[in-house]
Amino acid sequence: MRWLFIVFLFYVNLSAQNEKALIEVQSAVDTALITIGDRISYSITIDHKEGLRIEKPGAGVNLGQFEIKNYRISEPEVADGRVKLEYRYEISVYDTGKFVIPPFPVAYFPTDSLRDYKLIEAAPITIYVESVIQDTTRALIDIRDPINVPFDYVFMAMIIVIVMALSTGVFFAYRFYKKRKEAGYLFKAPAPPEPAHVIALRMLDQLHKKDLLAKGEIKQFYTELANIMRQYLENRFFIAALEETSFEIITDMRNQEISEALLELLTGFLELADLVKFAKYIPADSDNIKSMEDVRVFIEQTMISMVTDQESERTEMQEVTLENNNQKL
């Protein structure tokens, strides 16, 4: 019997040594005593024979009441036919007392069969958590009674004056903004638009300076000259002259208060411009000069005369003086 017992102990010891040679699992912490909210560095080291299949731990392991704040896996270390893996967790707990990191199980497969597996556990670790407040013997001090602050009439009067001044400023600023907005501008009144004849005469002078006739660009000359006339008609008589045909322009202009002579002048110019632009007609040099003069004459005889306030007042005074002189006579 004694011999059988010695054989049994030898067999158990040999099996344990073989299993240890196959895989080892260790757990460790950097400290076992913390205060609430402190972080602990908890590591699991797996040392196993190369080629052994194991189930590796991940971020979702069960560490009891400890929360995992961070998770890192070190690169495997291979040496002498063995592989060493280290899994490091930063954990924390938010209560005081004694806590235990539970045993960490690691499954491994000694054979190729997925059903033939074994478990090996890392040892549990006890952690002690202390309160941030170390001295619990001191009595709590009661809240003091409310302080009676006297009412400051001067300060309140100043606040009322300031509020009234701000309200008045906002009111007048709003009235100013509304008045300017209704007028169509906020700060500076926009400059009045230029009269149609001023724009047209300036464009005629610019066309004359281009000297297109001397360069032989007859079609370009009549194109720009016709556009000047059409723009003037649109700005002066409020018709869509830039989009209308020459016939439509003449039809609209018959409803305007202009003489037959000016209407014939306009008709002749538009027909000649159309011939040059669309029929490649080349007019004589005298006709080209006359076309420029006809446009200028039409603008000058149909433009709106601008009378200033001083001129109007001077005219009224002259009429009153003339009437008084007639009465004396």
C-alpha atoms as a PDB file:
ATOM      1  CA  MET A   1       0.000   0.000   0.000  1.00  0.00           C
ATOM      2  CA  ARG A   2       2.771   2.397   0.827  1.00  0.00           C
ATOM      3  CA  TRP A   3       4.389   1.659  -2.520  1.00  0.00           C
ATOM      4  CA  LEU A   4       1.124   2.371  -4.390  1.00  0.00           C
ATOM      5  CA  PHE A   5       0.731   5.688  -2.578  1.00  0.00           C
ATOM      6  CA  ILE A   6       4.258   6.766  -3.530  1.00  0.00           C
ATOM      7  CA  VAL A   7       3.552   5.868  -7.183  1.00  0.00           C
ATOM      8  CA  PHE A   8       0.298   7.885  -7.130  1.00  0.00           C
ATOM      9  CA  LEU A   9       2.058  10.991  -5.725  1.00  0.00           C
ATOM     10  CA  PHE A  10       4.777  10.693  -8.363  1.00  0.00           C
ATOM     11  CA  TYR A  11       2.141  10.499 -11.153  1.00  0.00           C
ATOM     12  CA  VAL A  12       0.245  13.567  -9.863  1.00  0.00           C
ATOM     13  CA  ASN A  13       3.496  15.551  -9.559  1.00  0.00           C
ATOM     14  CA  LEU A  14       4.569  14.561 -13.076  1.00  0.00           C
ATOM     15  CA  SER A  15       1.168  15.593 -14.532  1.00  0.00           C
ATOM     16  CA  ALA A  16       1.350  18.959 -12.800  1.00  0.00           C
ATOM     17  CA  GLN A  17       4.853  19.558 -14.136  1.00  0.00           C
ATOM     18  CA  ASN A  18       3.741  18.657 -17.673  1.00  0.00           C
ATOM     19  CA  GLU A  19       0.740  20.999 -17.450  1.00  0.00           C
ATOM     20  CA  LYS A  20       2.909  23.782 -16.086  1.00  0.00           C
ATOM     21  CA  ALA A  21       5.346  23.246 -18.887  1.00  0.00           C
ATOM     22  CA  LEU A  22       2.433  23.515 -21.325  1.00  0.00           C
ATOM     23  CA  ILE A  23       0.928  26.849 -20.101  1.00  0.00           C
ATOM     24  CA  GLU A  24       1.236  29.264 -17.177  1.00  0.00           C
ATOM     25  CA  VAL A  25      -1.035  32.172 -16.264  1.00  0.00           C
ATOM     26  CA  GLN A  26      -0.150  34.906 -13.763  1.00  0.00           C
ATOM     27  CA  SER A  27      -1.991  38.047 -12.600  1.00  0.00           C
ATOM     28  CA  ALA A  28      -0.515  41.120 -10.915  1.00  0.00           C
ATOM     29  CA  VAL A  29      -1.337  44.695  -9.883  1.00  0.00           C
ATOM     30  CA  ASP A  30       0.905  47.705  -9.338  1.00  0.00           C
ATOM     31  CA  THR A  31      -0.778  48.477  -5.979  1.00  0.00           C
ATOM     32  CA  ALA A  32      -3.296  46.830  -3.699  1.00  0.00           C
ATOM     33  CA  LEU A  33      -4.253  49.957  -1.701  1.00  0.00           C
ATOM     34  CA  ILE A  34      -5.956  52.922  -3.395  1.00  0.00           C
ATOM     35  CA  THR A  35      -8.437  55.709  -2.713  1.00  0.00           C
ATOM     36  CA  ILE A  36     -11.772  56.105  -4.489  1.00  0.00           C
ATOM     37  CA  GLY A  37     -11.351  56.848  -8.186  1.00  0.00           C
ATOM     38  CA  ASP A  38      -7.644  55.931  -8.378  1.00  0.00           C
ATOM     39  CA  ARG A  39      -6.624  53.668 -11.233  1.00  0.00           C
ATOM     40  CA  ILE A  40      -4.923  50.302 -10.854  1.00  0.00           C
ATOM     41  CA  SER A  41      -2.702  48.702 -13.465  1.00  0.00           C
ATOM     42  CA  TYR A  42      -3.854  45.056 -13.635  1.00  0.00           C
ATOM     43  CA  SER A  43      -1.921  42.643 -15.865  1.00  0.00           C
ATOM     44  CA  ILE A  44      -2.405  39.061 -17.023  1.00  0.00           C
ATOM     45  CA  THR A  45       0.650  37.193 -18.303  1.00  0.00           C
ATOM     46  CA  ILE A  46       0.182  33.987 -20.324  1.00  0.00           C
ATOM     47  CA  ASP A  47       3.290  31.886 -20.948  1.00  0.00           C
ATOM     48  CA  HIS A  48       2.580  28.815 -23.128  1.00  0.00           C
ATOM     49  CA  LYS A  49       4.248  26.390 -25.425  1.00  0.00           C
ATOM     50  CA  GLU A  50       4.545  27.575 -29.024  1.00  0.00           C
ATOM     51  CA  GLY A  51       1.757  26.155 -31.206  1.00  0.00           C
ATOM     52  CA  LEU A  52      -0.673  25.712 -28.325  1.00  0.00           C
ATOM     53  CA  ARG A  53      -4.096  27.125 -29.109  1.00  0.00           C
ATOM     54  CA  ILE A  54      -5.610  29.351 -26.407  1.00  0.00           C
ATOM     55  CA  GLU A  55      -8.626  31.622 -26.077  1.00  0.00           C
ATOM     56  CA  LYS A  56      -7.184  35.092 -25.608  1.00  0.00           C
ATOM     57  CA  PRO A  57      -8.841  37.549 -23.204  1.00  0.00           C
ATOM     58  CA  GLY A  58     -10.299  40.757 -24.557  1.00  0.00           C
ATOM     59  CA  ALA A  59     -11.677  44.104 -23.381  1.00  0.00           C
ATOM     60  CA  GLY A  60     -14.950  42.600 -22.137  1.00  0.00           C
ATOM     61  CA  VAL A  61     -13.542  40.445 -19.345  1.00  0.00           C
ATOM     62  CA  ASN A  62     -15.332  40.180 -16.005  1.00  0.00           C
ATOM     63  CA  LEU A  63     -13.336  41.922 -13.313  1.00  0.00           C
ATOM     64  CA  GLY A  64     -16.039  42.001 -10.652  1.00  0.00           C
ATOM     65  CA  GLN A  65     -16.900  45.493  -9.372  1.00  0.00           C
ATOM     66  CA  PHE A  66     -13.945  47.077 -11.158  1.00  0.00           C
ATOM     67  CA  GLU A  67     -14.489  49.200 -14.276  1.00  0.00           C
ATOM     68  CA  ILE A  68     -12.087  48.885 -17.205  1.00  0.00           C
ATOM     69  CA  LYS A  69     -10.823  52.348 -18.227  1.00  0.00           C
ATOM     70  CA  ASN A  70      -8.182  51.322 -20.749  1.00  0.00           C
ATOM     71  CA  TYR A  71      -6.980  48.167 -22.451  1.00  0.00           C
ATOM     72  CA  ARG A  72      -3.654  47.292 -24.128  1.00  0.00           C
ATOM     73  CA  ILE A  73      -2.067  44.122 -25.544  1.00  0.00           C
ATOM     74  CA  SER A  74       1.696  43.813 -25.760  1.00  0.00           C
ATOM     75  CA  GLU A  75       3.411  42.213 -28.739  1.00  0.00           C
ATOM     76  CA  PRO A  76       3.984  38.451 -28.279  1.00  0.00           C
ATOM     77  CA  GLU A  77       7.492  37.451 -27.152  1.00  0.00           C
ATOM     78  CA  VAL A  78       8.701  34.183 -28.709  1.00  0.00           C
ATOM     79  CA  ALA A  79      11.802  32.514 -27.250  1.00  0.00           C
ATOM     80  CA  ASP A  80      12.988  28.923 -26.741  1.00  0.00           C
ATOM     81  CA  GLY A  81       9.799  27.455 -28.158  1.00  0.00           C
ATOM     82  CA  ARG A  82       7.513  29.410 -25.874  1.00  0.00           C
ATOM     83  CA  VAL A  83       5.191  32.409 -26.393  1.00  0.00           C
ATOM     84  CA  LYS A  84       4.653  35.070 -23.765  1.00  0.00           C
ATOM     85  CA  LEU A  85       1.601  37.354 -23.927  1.00  0.00           C
ATOM     86  CA  GLU A  86       0.795  40.253 -21.619  1.00  0.00           C
ATOM     87  CA  TYR A  87      -2.651  41.888 -21.315  1.00  0.00           C
ATOM     88  CA  ARG A  88      -2.734  45.114 -19.325  1.00  0.00           C
ATOM     89  CA  TYR A  89      -5.904  46.785 -17.996  1.00  0.00           C
ATOM     90  CA  GLU A  90      -6.394  50.104 -16.238  1.00  0.00           C
ATOM     91  CA  ILE A  91      -9.233  49.565 -13.762  1.00  0.00           C
ATOM     92  CA  SER A  92     -10.944  51.585 -11.044  1.00  0.00           C
ATOM     93  CA  VAL A  93     -13.723  51.299  -8.454  1.00  0.00           C
ATOM     94  CA  TYR A  94     -15.930  53.967  -6.897  1.00  0.00           C
ATOM     95  CA  ASP A  95     -16.638  52.611  -3.431  1.00  0.00           C
ATOM     96  CA  THR A  96     -14.678  51.967  -0.241  1.00  0.00           C
ATOM     97  CA  GLY A  97     -13.876  48.648   1.345  1.00  0.00           C
ATOM     98  CA  LYS A  98     -12.338  45.336   0.351  1.00  0.00           C
ATOM     99  CA  PHE A  99     -12.714  44.171  -3.238  1.00  0.00           C
ATOM    100  CA  VAL A 100     -11.460  41.082  -5.028  1.00  0.00           C
ATOM    101  CA  ILE A 101     -10.433  40.820  -8.649  1.00  0.00           C
ATOM    102  CA  PRO A 102     -11.848  37.383  -9.448  1.00  0.00           C
ATOM    103  CA  PRO A 103      -9.766  34.511 -10.826  1.00  0.00           C
ATOM    104  CA  PHE A 104      -9.184  34.962 -14.528  1.00  0.00           C
ATOM    105  CA  PRO A 105      -9.862  31.773 -16.551  1.00  0.00           C
ATOM    106  CA  VAL A 106      -7.938  30.993 -19.731  1.00  0.00           C
ATOM    107  CA  ALA A 107      -9.067  28.121 -21.969  1.00  0.00           C
ATOM    108  CA  TYR A 108      -6.490  26.118 -23.950  1.00  0.00           C
ATOM    109  CA  PHE A 109      -6.639  23.079 -26.230  1.00  0.00           C
ATOM    110  CA  PRO A 110      -3.983  20.424 -25.618  1.00  0.00           C
ATOM    111  CA  THR A 111      -5.074  18.568 -28.774  1.00  0.00           C
ATOM    112  CA  ASP A 112      -6.485  19.588 -32.145  1.00  0.00           C
ATOM    113  CA  SER A 113     -10.027  18.770 -31.051  1.00  0.00           C
ATOM    114  CA  LEU A 114     -12.141  21.830 -30.258  1.00  0.00           C
ATOM    115  CA  ARG A 115     -14.086  19.803 -27.693  1.00  0.00           C
ATOM    116  CA  ASP A 116     -10.999  18.802 -25.748  1.00  0.00           C
ATOM    117  CA  TYR A 117     -10.145  21.952 -23.820  1.00  0.00           C
ATOM    118  CA  LYS A 118      -8.948  22.772 -20.340  1.00  0.00           C
ATOM    119  CA  LEU A 119      -9.083  25.825 -18.079  1.00  0.00           C
ATOM    120  CA  ILE A 120      -6.335  27.440 -16.114  1.00  0.00           C
ATOM    121  CA  GLU A 121      -6.983  30.408 -13.844  1.00  0.00           C
ATOM    122  CA  ALA A 122      -4.934  33.388 -12.777  1.00  0.00           C
ATOM    123  CA  ALA A 123      -4.972  33.876  -9.034  1.00  0.00           C
ATOM    124  CA  PRO A 124      -7.507  36.341  -7.531  1.00  0.00           C
ATOM    125  CA  ILE A 125      -6.153  39.610  -6.104  1.00  0.00           C
ATOM    126  CA  THR A 126      -7.524  41.530  -3.138  1.00  0.00           C
ATOM    127  CA  ILE A 127      -7.730  45.346  -3.387  1.00  0.00           C
ATOM    128  CA  TYR A 128      -8.405  47.737  -0.499  1.00  0.00           C
ATOM    129  CA  VAL A 129     -10.102  51.054  -1.283  1.00  0.00           C
ATOM    130  CA  GLU A 130      -9.982  53.911   1.222  1.00  0.00           C
ATOM    131  CA  SER A 131     -12.001  57.115   1.363  1.00  0.00           C
ATOM    132  CA  VAL A 132     -10.495  60.396   0.266  1.00  0.00           C
ATOM    133  CA  ILE A 133     -11.491  61.868   3.646  1.00  0.00           C
ATOM    134  CA  GLN A 134      -9.100  60.293   6.126  1.00  0.00           C
ATOM    135  CA  ASP A 135     -10.170  62.018   9.350  1.00  0.00           C
ATOM    136  CA  THR A 136     -13.756  60.913  10.050  1.00  0.00           C
ATOM    137  CA  THR A 137     -13.706  61.920  13.731  1.00  0.00           C
ATOM    138  CA  ARG A 138     -14.186  65.639  13.126  1.00  0.00           C
ATOM    139  CA  ALA A 139     -17.724  66.872  13.628  1.00  0.00           C
ATOM    140  CA  LEU A 140     -19.468  68.647  10.776  1.00  0.00           C
ATOM    141  CA  ILE A 141     -19.885  72.388  11.199  1.00  0.00           C
ATOM    142  CA  ASP A 142     -23.443  73.602  10.880  1.00  0.00           C
ATOM    143  CA  ILE A 143     -24.448  76.136   8.230  1.00  0.00           C
ATOM    144  CA  ARG A 144     -24.311  79.718   9.407  1.00  0.00           C
ATOM    145  CA  ASP A 145     -27.456  81.801   9.663  1.00  0.00           C
ATOM    146  CA  PRO A 146     -28.275  84.098   6.707  1.00  0.00           C
ATOM    147  CA  ILE A 147     -26.629  87.502   6.853  1.00  0.00           C
ATOM    148  CA  ASN A 148     -29.056  90.420   6.902  1.00  0.00           C
ATOM    149  CA  VAL A 149     -27.898  92.762   4.108  1.00  0.00           C
ATOM    150  CA  PRO A 150     -29.413  96.281   4.337  1.00  0.00           C
ATOM    151  CA  PHE A 151     -31.256  97.574   1.269  1.00  0.00           C
ATOM    152  CA  ASP A 152     -29.083 100.003  -0.758  1.00  0.00           C
ATOM    153  CA  TYR A 153     -31.395 102.700  -2.121  1.00  0.00           C
ATOM    154  CA  VAL A 154     -28.582 104.576  -3.870  1.00  0.00           C
ATOM    155  CA  PHE A 155     -27.490 101.473  -5.775  1.00  0.00           C
ATOM    156  CA  MET A 156     -31.069 100.680  -6.818  1.00  0.00           C
ATOM    157  CA  ALA A 157     -31.587 104.278  -8.003  1.00  0.00           C
ATOM    158  CA  MET A 158     -28.439 104.026 -10.132  1.00  0.00           C
ATOM    159  CA  ILE A 159     -29.679 100.743 -11.654  1.00  0.00           C
ATOM    160  CA  ILE A 160     -33.057 102.321 -12.501  1.00  0.00           C
ATOM    161  CA  VAL A 161     -31.388 105.350 -14.138  1.00  0.00           C
ATOM    162  CA  ILE A 162     -29.095 103.132 -16.196  1.00  0.00           C
ATOM    163  CA  VAL A 163     -31.978 100.915 -17.337  1.00  0.00           C
ATOM    164  CA  MET A 164     -34.068 103.949 -18.317  1.00  0.00           C
ATOM    165  CA  ALA A 165     -31.123 105.462 -20.249  1.00  0.00           C
ATOM    166  CA  LEU A 166     -30.510 102.207 -22.116  1.00  0.00           C
ATOM    167  CA  SER A 167     -34.207 101.843 -22.891  1.00  0.00           C
ATOM    168  CA  THR A 168     -34.368 105.399 -24.261  1.00  0.00           C
ATOM    169  CA  GLY A 169     -31.278 104.816 -26.399  1.00  0.00           C
ATOM    170  CA  VAL A 170     -32.693 101.585 -27.791  1.00  0.00           C
ATOM    171  CA  PHE A 171     -36.015 103.296 -28.544  1.00  0.00           C
ATOM    172  CA  PHE A 172     -34.438 106.160 -30.516  1.00  0.00           C
ATOM    173  CA  ALA A 173     -32.018 103.792 -32.257  1.00  0.00           C
ATOM    174  CA  TYR A 174     -34.967 101.660 -33.387  1.00  0.00           C
ATOM    175  CA  ARG A 175     -36.857 104.716 -34.633  1.00  0.00           C
ATOM    176  CA  PHE A 176     -33.772 105.862 -36.553  1.00  0.00           C
ATOM    177  CA  TYR A 177     -33.334 102.396 -38.071  1.00  0.00           C
ATOM    178  CA  LYS A 178     -37.001 102.118 -39.034  1.00  0.00           C
ATOM    179  CA  LYS A 179     -37.078 105.595 -40.593  1.00  0.00           C
ATOM    180  CA  ARG A 180     -33.948 104.942 -42.656  1.00  0.00           C
ATOM    181  CA  LYS A 181     -35.196 101.518 -43.680  1.00  0.00           C
ATOM    182  CA  GLU A 182     -38.452 103.022 -44.962  1.00  0.00           C
ATOM    183  CA  ALA A 183     -36.403 105.584 -46.895  1.00  0.00           C
ATOM    184  CA  GLY A 184     -34.461 102.766 -48.542  1.00  0.00           C
ATOM    185  CA  TYR A 185     -31.072 103.357 -46.921  1.00  0.00           C
ATOM    186  CA  LEU A 186     -29.592 103.024 -43.434  1.00  0.00           C
ATOM    187  CA  PHE A 187     -26.758 105.552 -43.039  1.00  0.00           C
ATOM    188  CA  LYS A 188     -25.953 107.575 -46.149  1.00  0.00           C
ATOM    189  CA  ALA A 189     -28.535 108.405 -48.776  1.00  0.00           C
ATOM    190  CA  PRO A 190     -27.628 106.875 -52.145  1.00  0.00           C
ATOM    191  CA  ALA A 191     -26.667 109.201 -54.946  1.00  0.00           C
ATOM    192  CA  PRO A 192     -29.561 109.961 -57.323  1.00  0.00           C
ATOM    193  CA  PRO A 193     -29.420 107.976 -60.564  1.00  0.00           C
ATOM    194  CA  GLU A 194     -27.974 109.728 -63.576  1.00  0.00           C
ATOM    195  CA  PRO A 195     -30.503 110.979 -66.140  1.00  0.00           C
ATOM    196  CA  ALA A 196     -30.832 108.834 -69.249  1.00  0.00           C
ATOM    197  CA  HIS A 197     -29.445 111.538 -71.562  1.00  0.00           C
ATOM    198  CA  VAL A 198     -26.312 112.031 -69.441  1.00  0.00           C
ATOM    199  CA  ILE A 199     -25.480 108.331 -69.704  1.00  0.00           C
ATOM    200  CA  ALA A 200     -26.233 108.201 -73.435  1.00  0.00           C
ATOM    201  CA  LEU A 201     -24.184 111.316 -74.326  1.00  0.00           C
ATOM    202  CA  ARG A 202     -21.239 110.008 -72.315  1.00  0.00           C
ATOM    203  CA  MET A 203     -21.407 106.682 -74.158  1.00  0.00           C
ATOM    204  CA  LEU A 204     -21.514 108.566 -77.491  1.00  0.00           C
ATOM    205  CA  ASP A 205     -18.317 110.398 -76.589  1.00  0.00           C
ATOM    206  CA  GLN A 206     -16.663 107.115 -75.650  1.00  0.00           C
ATOM    207  CA  LEU A 207     -17.741 105.557 -78.958  1.00  0.00           C
ATOM    208  CA  HIS A 208     -16.357 108.531 -80.871  1.00  0.00           C
ATOM    209  CA  LYS A 209     -12.971 108.105 -79.153  1.00  0.00           C
ATOM    210  CA  LYS A 210     -12.758 104.454 -80.268  1.00  0.00           C
ATOM    211  CA  ASP A 211     -12.558 105.681 -83.888  1.00  0.00           C
ATOM    212  CA  LEU A 212     -14.140 102.462 -85.217  1.00  0.00           C
ATOM    213  CA  LEU A 213     -15.019 104.042 -88.581  1.00  0.00           C
ATOM    214  CA  ALA A 214     -11.389 104.866 -89.298  1.00  0.00           C
ATOM    215  CA  LYS A 215     -10.456 101.268 -88.454  1.00  0.00           C
ATOM    216  CA  GLY A 216     -13.050  99.927 -90.884  1.00  0.00           C
ATOM    217  CA  GLU A 217     -15.125  98.246 -88.165  1.00  0.00           C
ATOM    218  CA  ILE A 218     -18.461  99.434 -89.572  1.00  0.00           C
ATOM    219  CA  LYS A 219     -20.605  96.619 -88.136  1.00  0.00           C
ATOM    220  CA  GLN A 220     -19.150  97.052 -84.632  1.00  0.00           C
ATOM    221  CA  PHE A 221     -19.745 100.804 -84.868  1.00  0.00           C
ATOM    222  CA  TYR A 222     -23.446 100.406 -85.712  1.00  0.00           C
ATOM    223  CA  THR A 223     -23.878  97.655 -83.114  1.00  0.00           C
ATOM    224  CA  GLU A 224     -22.628  99.886 -80.291  1.00  0.00           C
ATOM    225  CA  LEU A 225     -24.432 102.959 -81.644  1.00  0.00           C
ATOM    226  CA  ALA A 226     -27.748 101.070 -81.814  1.00  0.00           C
ATOM    227  CA  ASN A 227     -27.241  99.776 -78.259  1.00  0.00           C
ATOM    228  CA  ILE A 228     -26.717 103.360 -77.041  1.00  0.00           C
ATOM    229  CA  MET A 229     -29.972 104.430 -78.684  1.00  0.00           C
ATOM    230  CA  ARG A 230     -31.892 101.400 -77.342  1.00  0.00           C
ATOM    231  CA  GLN A 231     -30.594 101.898 -73.801  1.00  0.00           C
ATOM    232  CA  TYR A 232     -31.546 105.574 -73.905  1.00  0.00           C
ATOM    233  CA  LEU A 233     -35.071 104.738 -75.122  1.00  0.00           C
ATOM    234  CA  GLU A 234     -35.487 102.173 -72.339  1.00  0.00           C
ATOM    235  CA  ASN A 235     -34.265 104.531 -69.581  1.00  0.00           C
ATOM    236  CA  ARG A 236     -36.061 107.614 -70.926  1.00  0.00           C
ATOM    237  CA  PHE A 237     -39.394 106.244 -72.162  1.00  0.00           C
ATOM    238  CA  PHE A 238     -39.550 103.065 -70.030  1.00  0.00           C
ATOM    239  CA  ILE A 239     -39.978 100.577 -72.889  1.00  0.00           C
ATOM    240  CA  ALA A 240     -38.140  97.259 -73.289  1.00  0.00           C
ATOM    241  CA  ALA A 241     -36.058  98.573 -76.161  1.00  0.00           C
ATOM    242  CA  LEU A 242     -33.051  96.306 -75.498  1.00  0.00           C
ATOM    243  CA  GLU A 243     -35.185  93.176 -76.027  1.00  0.00           C
ATOM    244  CA  GLU A 244     -37.553  94.446 -78.744  1.00  0.00           C
ATOM    245  CA  THR A 245     -37.148  94.466 -82.509  1.00  0.00           C
ATOM    246  CA  SER A 246     -36.892  97.738 -84.386  1.00  0.00           C
ATOM    247  CA  PHE A 247     -40.515  97.425 -85.530  1.00  0.00           C
ATOM    248  CA  GLU A 248     -41.706  96.906 -81.916  1.00  0.00           C
ATOM    249  CA  ILE A 249     -39.690  99.927 -80.772  1.00  0.00           C
ATOM    250  CA  ILE A 250     -41.268 102.182 -83.419  1.00  0.00           C
ATOM    251  CA  THR A 251     -44.727 100.868 -82.452  1.00  0.00           C
ATOM    252  CA  ASP A 252     -44.137 101.724 -78.788  1.00  0.00           C
ATOM    253  CA  MET A 253     -42.663 105.127 -79.625  1.00  0.00           C
ATOM    254  CA  ARG A 254     -45.806 106.133 -81.563  1.00  0.00           C
ATOM    255  CA  ASN A 255     -47.551 106.248 -78.195  1.00  0.00           C
ATOM    256  CA  GLN A 256     -44.980 108.694 -76.822  1.00  0.00           C
ATOM    257  CA  GLU A 257     -45.238 112.465 -77.068  1.00  0.00           C
ATOM    258  CA  ILE A 258     -42.575 113.081 -79.717  1.00  0.00           C
ATOM    259  CA  SER A 259     -42.813 114.831 -83.079  1.00  0.00           C
ATOM    260  CA  GLU A 260     -43.205 113.042 -86.411  1.00  0.00           C
ATOM    261  CA  ALA A 261     -39.840 114.356 -87.505  1.00  0.00           C
ATOM    262  CA  LEU A 262     -38.094 112.709 -84.535  1.00  0.00           C
ATOM    263  CA  LEU A 263     -40.061 109.511 -85.102  1.00  0.00           C
ATOM    264  CA  GLU A 264     -38.937 109.428 -88.758  1.00  0.00           C
ATOM    265  CA  LEU A 265     -35.339 110.126 -87.680  1.00  0.00           C
ATOM    266  CA  LEU A 266     -35.484 107.199 -85.208  1.00  0.00           C
ATOM    267  CA  THR A 267     -37.070 104.893 -87.802  1.00  0.00           C
ATOM    268  CA  GLY A 268     -34.441 105.684 -90.411  1.00  0.00           C
ATOM    269  CA  PHE A 269     -31.574 105.134 -88.010  1.00  0.00           C
ATOM    270  CA  LEU A 270     -32.881 101.766 -86.704  1.00  0.00           C
ATOM    271  CA  GLU A 271     -33.511 100.477 -90.244  1.00  0.00           C
ATOM    272  CA  LEU A 272     -30.011 101.475 -91.382  1.00  0.00           C
ATOM    273  CA  ALA A 273     -28.446  99.854 -88.290  1.00  0.00           C
ATOM    274  CA  ASP A 274     -30.343  96.609 -88.988  1.00  0.00           C
ATOM    275  CA  LEU A 275     -29.130  96.584 -92.607  1.00  0.00           C
ATOM    276  CA  VAL A 276     -25.526  96.961 -91.500  1.00  0.00           C
ATOM    277  CA  LYS A 277     -25.750  94.374 -88.690  1.00  0.00           C
ATOM    278  CA  PHE A 278     -27.821  91.698 -90.426  1.00  0.00           C
ATOM    279  CA  ALA A 279     -27.562  92.307 -94.180  1.00  0.00           C
ATOM    280  CA  LYS A 280     -23.850  93.255 -94.339  1.00  0.00           C
ATOM    281  CA  TYR A 281     -24.763  96.596 -95.898  1.00  0.00           C
ATOM    282  CA  ILE A 282     -21.886  99.102 -96.152  1.00  0.00           C
ATOM    283  CA  PRO A 283     -23.201 102.694 -95.978  1.00  0.00           C
ATOM    284  CA  ALA A 284     -21.357 105.723 -97.275  1.00  0.00           C
ATOM    285  CA  ASP A 285     -19.015 107.645 -94.978  1.00  0.00           C
ATOM    286  CA  SER A 286     -21.438 110.564 -94.901  1.00  0.00           C
ATOM    287  CA  ASP A 287     -24.226 108.248 -93.732  1.00  0.00           C
ATOM    288  CA  ASN A 288     -22.034 106.965 -90.902  1.00  0.00           C
ATOM    289  CA  ILE A 289     -21.326 110.488 -89.664  1.00  0.00           C
ATOM    290  CA  LYS A 290     -25.008 111.415 -90.056  1.00  0.00           C
ATOM    291  CA  SER A 291     -26.068 108.357 -88.000  1.00  0.00           C
ATOM    292  CA  MET A 292     -23.909 109.516 -85.099  1.00  0.00           C
ATOM    293  CA  GLU A 293     -25.367 113.042 -85.356  1.00  0.00           C
ATOM    294  CA  ASP A 294     -28.946 111.727 -85.644  1.00  0.00           C
ATOM    295  CA  VAL A 295     -28.584 109.799 -82.384  1.00  0.00           C
ATOM    296  CA  ARG A 296     -27.165 112.857 -80.628  1.00  0.00           C
ATOM    297  CA  VAL A 297     -29.949 115.115 -81.998  1.00  0.00           C
ATOM    298  CA  PHE A 298     -32.657 112.653 -80.941  1.00  0.00           C
ATOM    299  CA  ILE A 299     -31.240 112.456 -77.405  1.00  0.00           C
ATOM    300  CA  GLU A 300     -30.844 116.211 -77.002  1.00  0.00           C
ATOM    301  CA  GLN A 301     -34.377 116.969 -78.273  1.00  0.00           C
ATOM    302  CA  THR A 302     -36.120 114.321 -76.159  1.00  0.00           C
ATOM    303  CA  MET A 303     -34.148 114.552 -72.915  1.00  0.00           C
ATOM    304  CA  ILE A 304     -35.831 115.664 -69.715  1.00  0.00           C
ATOM    305  CA  SER A 305     -34.633 119.116 -68.668  1.00  0.00           C
ATOM    306  CA  MET A 306     -33.379 119.148 -65.089  1.00  0.00           C
ATOM    307  CA  VAL A 307     -34.348 122.335 -63.203  1.00  0.00           C
ATOM    308  CA  THR A 308     -32.711 122.958 -59.841  1.00  0.00           C
ATOM    309  CA  ASP A 309     -34.529 124.466 -56.862  1.00  0.00           C
ATOM    310  CA  GLN A 310     -32.578 127.732 -57.191  1.00  0.00           C
ATOM    311  CA  GLU A 311     -33.504 128.046 -60.873  1.00  0.00           C
ATOM    312  CA  SER A 312     -37.156 127.328 -60.055  1.00  0.00           C
ATOM    313  CA  GLU A 313     -37.141 129.959 -57.289  1.00  0.00           C
ATOM    314  CA  ARG A 314     -35.431 132.462 -59.570  1.00  0.00           C
ATOM    315  CA  THR A 315     -38.060 131.868 -62.261  1.00  0.00           C
ATOM    316  CA  GLU A 316     -40.902 132.356 -59.768  1.00  0.00           C
ATOM    317  CA  MET A 317     -39.344 135.633 -58.551  1.00  0.00           C
ATOM    318  CA  GLN A 318     -39.010 136.875 -62.117  1.00  0.00           C
ATOM    319  CA  GLU A 319     -42.674 136.059 -62.797  1.00  0.00           C
ATOM    320  CA  VAL A 320     -43.767 137.891 -59.618  1.00  0.00           C
ATOM    321  CA  THR A 321     -41.632 140.951 -60.529  1.00  0.00           C
ATOM    322  CA  LEU A 322     -43.049 140.998 -64.045  1.00  0.00           C
ATOM    323  CA  GLU A 323     -46.614 140.805 -62.696  1.00  0.00           C
ATOM    324  CA  ASN A 324     -45.986 143.711 -60.275  1.00  0.00           C
ATOM    325  CA  ASN A 325     -44.565 145.832 -63.054  1.00  0.00           C
ATOM    326  CA  ASN A 326     -47.617 145.170 -65.178  1.00  0.00           C
ATOM    327  CA  GLN A 327     -49.896 146.265 -62.359  1.00  0.00           C
ATOM    328  CA  LYS A 328     -48.002 149.530 -61.942  1.00  0.00           C
ATOM    329  CA  LEU A 329     -48.355 150.225 -65.597  1.00  0.00           C
END
